[in-house]
Amino acid sequence: MPNIKAAIKWQRQTDRRTVRNLDVKTRLKTLFKKAKANPDQAASVEGQFDKAARKGIIHPNKAARKKARLARAIRTAAAAAAAAPIATATVAKKRTTKKK
């Protein structure tokens, strides 16, 4: 425990900032997961990462890395969704030919 009055105040300030920053980081993680599931929210999530980086809550490179990973996940999911109906149609076609 600090002996100097100013150091005691610094400790209080640090504790407040830690709680606030942890809240923002937790919210970013949740938004990231939701955006991976629902790509329509990706733009707002990217903005939140930029805002957190601007305020110094996370490192700017971390924000860039998260945004890139989110974009890649959305792109992969879109490609998988586009390929899924084709694969389903071919499987259904093969099954109908075997039954006859």
C-alpha atoms as a PDB file:
ATOM      1  CA  MET A   1       0.000   0.000   0.000  1.00  0.00           C
ATOM      2  CA  PRO A   2       1.415   3.420  -0.928  1.00  0.00           C
ATOM      3  CA  ASN A   3       2.421   5.865   1.788  1.00  0.00           C
ATOM      4  CA  ILE A   4       2.101   9.028  -0.279  1.00  0.00           C
ATOM      5  CA  LYS A   5      -1.302  10.694  -0.724  1.00  0.00           C
ATOM      6  CA  ALA A   6      -0.786  11.180  -4.458  1.00  0.00           C
ATOM      7  CA  ALA A   7       0.129   7.505  -4.861  1.00  0.00           C
ATOM      8  CA  ILE A   8      -3.085   6.518  -3.084  1.00  0.00           C
ATOM      9  CA  LYS A   9      -5.036   8.638  -5.576  1.00  0.00           C
ATOM     10  CA  TRP A  10      -3.119   7.101  -8.487  1.00  0.00           C
ATOM     11  CA  GLN A  11      -4.099   3.687  -7.215  1.00  0.00           C
ATOM     12  CA  ARG A  12      -7.783   4.671  -7.089  1.00  0.00           C
ATOM     13  CA  GLN A  13      -7.572   6.067 -10.622  1.00  0.00           C
ATOM     14  CA  THR A  14      -5.891   2.911 -11.861  1.00  0.00           C
ATOM     15  CA  ASP A  15      -8.574   0.742 -10.289  1.00  0.00           C
ATOM     16  CA  ARG A  16     -11.346   2.787 -11.953  1.00  0.00           C
ATOM     17  CA  ARG A  17      -9.626   2.667 -15.348  1.00  0.00           C
ATOM     18  CA  THR A  18      -9.010  -1.072 -15.053  1.00  0.00           C
ATOM     19  CA  VAL A  19     -12.692  -1.770 -14.455  1.00  0.00           C
ATOM     20  CA  ARG A  20     -13.761   0.515 -17.301  1.00  0.00           C
ATOM     21  CA  ASN A  21     -11.217  -0.939 -19.746  1.00  0.00           C
ATOM     22  CA  LEU A  22     -12.149  -4.497 -18.817  1.00  0.00           C
ATOM     23  CA  ASP A  23     -15.792  -3.694 -19.531  1.00  0.00           C
ATOM     24  CA  VAL A  24     -14.911  -2.382 -22.998  1.00  0.00           C
ATOM     25  CA  LYS A  25     -12.656  -5.353 -23.786  1.00  0.00           C
ATOM     26  CA  THR A  26     -15.347  -7.820 -22.737  1.00  0.00           C
ATOM     27  CA  ARG A  27     -17.923  -6.005 -24.869  1.00  0.00           C
ATOM     28  CA  LEU A  28     -15.557  -6.106 -27.869  1.00  0.00           C
ATOM     29  CA  LYS A  29     -15.145  -9.866 -27.504  1.00  0.00           C
ATOM     30  CA  THR A  30     -18.912 -10.337 -27.400  1.00  0.00           C
ATOM     31  CA  LEU A  31     -19.464  -8.076 -30.404  1.00  0.00           C
ATOM     32  CA  PHE A  32     -16.757  -9.934 -32.330  1.00  0.00           C
ATOM     33  CA  LYS A  33     -18.437 -13.292 -31.727  1.00  0.00           C
ATOM     34  CA  LYS A  34     -21.868 -11.930 -32.658  1.00  0.00           C
ATOM     35  CA  ALA A  35     -20.507 -10.339 -35.836  1.00  0.00           C
ATOM     36  CA  LYS A  36     -18.984 -13.648 -36.908  1.00  0.00           C
ATOM     37  CA  ALA A  37     -22.446 -15.203 -36.595  1.00  0.00           C
ATOM     38  CA  ASN A  38     -24.279 -12.252 -38.173  1.00  0.00           C
ATOM     39  CA  PRO A  39     -22.124 -10.483 -40.823  1.00  0.00           C
ATOM     40  CA  ASP A  40     -24.513  -7.511 -41.061  1.00  0.00           C
ATOM     41  CA  GLN A  41     -23.079  -6.126 -37.809  1.00  0.00           C
ATOM     42  CA  ALA A  42     -19.465  -6.199 -39.012  1.00  0.00           C
ATOM     43  CA  ALA A  43     -19.217  -2.498 -39.857  1.00  0.00           C
ATOM     44  CA  SER A  44     -20.307  -1.338 -36.415  1.00  0.00           C
ATOM     45  CA  VAL A  45     -17.942  -3.802 -34.723  1.00  0.00           C
ATOM     46  CA  GLU A  46     -15.011  -2.512 -36.761  1.00  0.00           C
ATOM     47  CA  GLY A  47     -15.909   1.001 -35.645  1.00  0.00           C
ATOM     48  CA  GLN A  48     -15.929  -0.113 -32.011  1.00  0.00           C
ATOM     49  CA  PHE A  49     -12.458  -1.631 -32.400  1.00  0.00           C
ATOM     50  CA  ASP A  50     -11.191   1.609 -33.935  1.00  0.00           C
ATOM     51  CA  LYS A  51     -12.727   3.634 -31.111  1.00  0.00           C
ATOM     52  CA  ALA A  52     -11.120   1.437 -28.441  1.00  0.00           C
ATOM     53  CA  ALA A  53      -7.748   1.777 -30.179  1.00  0.00           C
ATOM     54  CA  ARG A  54      -8.138   5.559 -30.389  1.00  0.00           C
ATOM     55  CA  LYS A  55      -8.843   5.762 -26.677  1.00  0.00           C
ATOM     56  CA  GLY A  56      -5.853   3.578 -25.827  1.00  0.00           C
ATOM     57  CA  ILE A  57      -7.862   0.691 -24.415  1.00  0.00           C
ATOM     58  CA  ILE A  58      -6.372  -1.744 -26.925  1.00  0.00           C
ATOM     59  CA  HIS A  59      -3.306  -1.448 -29.140  1.00  0.00           C
ATOM     60  CA  PRO A  60      -3.985  -0.160 -32.685  1.00  0.00           C
ATOM     61  CA  ASN A  61      -2.337  -3.244 -34.179  1.00  0.00           C
ATOM     62  CA  LYS A  62      -4.661  -5.468 -32.157  1.00  0.00           C
ATOM     63  CA  ALA A  63      -7.654  -3.579 -33.524  1.00  0.00           C
ATOM     64  CA  ALA A  64      -6.351  -4.029 -37.074  1.00  0.00           C
ATOM     65  CA  ARG A  65      -5.694  -7.723 -36.479  1.00  0.00           C
ATOM     66  CA  LYS A  66      -9.179  -8.310 -35.076  1.00  0.00           C
ATOM     67  CA  LYS A  67     -10.800  -6.446 -37.978  1.00  0.00           C
ATOM     68  CA  ALA A  68      -8.813  -8.507 -40.492  1.00  0.00           C
ATOM     69  CA  ARG A  69      -9.758 -11.765 -38.788  1.00  0.00           C
ATOM     70  CA  LEU A  70     -13.404 -10.732 -38.708  1.00  0.00           C
ATOM     71  CA  ALA A  71     -13.352  -9.889 -42.418  1.00  0.00           C
ATOM     72  CA  ARG A  72     -11.703 -13.221 -43.207  1.00  0.00           C
ATOM     73  CA  ALA A  73     -14.257 -15.129 -41.113  1.00  0.00           C
ATOM     74  CA  ILE A  74     -17.149 -13.370 -42.854  1.00  0.00           C
ATOM     75  CA  ARG A  75     -15.623 -14.010 -46.271  1.00  0.00           C
ATOM     76  CA  THR A  76     -15.122 -17.691 -45.450  1.00  0.00           C
ATOM     77  CA  ALA A  77     -18.671 -18.034 -44.147  1.00  0.00           C
ATOM     78  CA  ALA A  78     -20.068 -16.373 -47.273  1.00  0.00           C
ATOM     79  CA  ALA A  79     -18.077 -18.702 -49.511  1.00  0.00           C
ATOM     80  CA  ALA A  80     -19.256 -21.732 -47.537  1.00  0.00           C
ATOM     81  CA  ALA A  81     -22.857 -20.550 -47.732  1.00  0.00           C
ATOM     82  CA  ALA A  82     -22.566 -20.055 -51.473  1.00  0.00           C
ATOM     83  CA  ALA A  83     -21.092 -23.523 -51.959  1.00  0.00           C
ATOM     84  CA  ALA A  84     -23.576 -25.281 -49.655  1.00  0.00           C
ATOM     85  CA  PRO A  85     -26.638 -25.320 -51.980  1.00  0.00           C
ATOM     86  CA  ILE A  86     -24.561 -26.760 -54.829  1.00  0.00           C
ATOM     87  CA  ALA A  87     -23.229 -29.556 -52.630  1.00  0.00           C
ATOM     88  CA  THR A  88     -26.690 -30.300 -51.270  1.00  0.00           C
ATOM     89  CA  ALA A  89     -28.171 -30.495 -54.759  1.00  0.00           C
ATOM     90  CA  THR A  90     -25.527 -32.934 -55.958  1.00  0.00           C
ATOM     91  CA  VAL A  91     -25.941 -35.139 -52.902  1.00  0.00           C
ATOM     92  CA  ALA A  92     -29.716 -35.195 -53.325  1.00  0.00           C
ATOM     93  CA  LYS A  93     -29.299 -36.011 -56.999  1.00  0.00           C
ATOM     94  CA  LYS A  94     -27.031 -38.948 -56.252  1.00  0.00           C
ATOM     95  CA  ARG A  95     -29.438 -40.315 -53.668  1.00  0.00           C
ATOM     96  CA  THR A  96     -32.378 -40.240 -56.051  1.00  0.00           C
ATOM     97  CA  THR A  97     -30.435 -42.124 -58.697  1.00  0.00           C
ATOM     98  CA  LYS A  98     -29.508 -44.868 -56.238  1.00  0.00           C
ATOM     99  CA  LYS A  99     -33.110 -45.413 -55.163  1.00  0.00           C
ATOM    100  CA  LYS A 100     -34.355 -46.077 -58.694  1.00  0.00           C
END
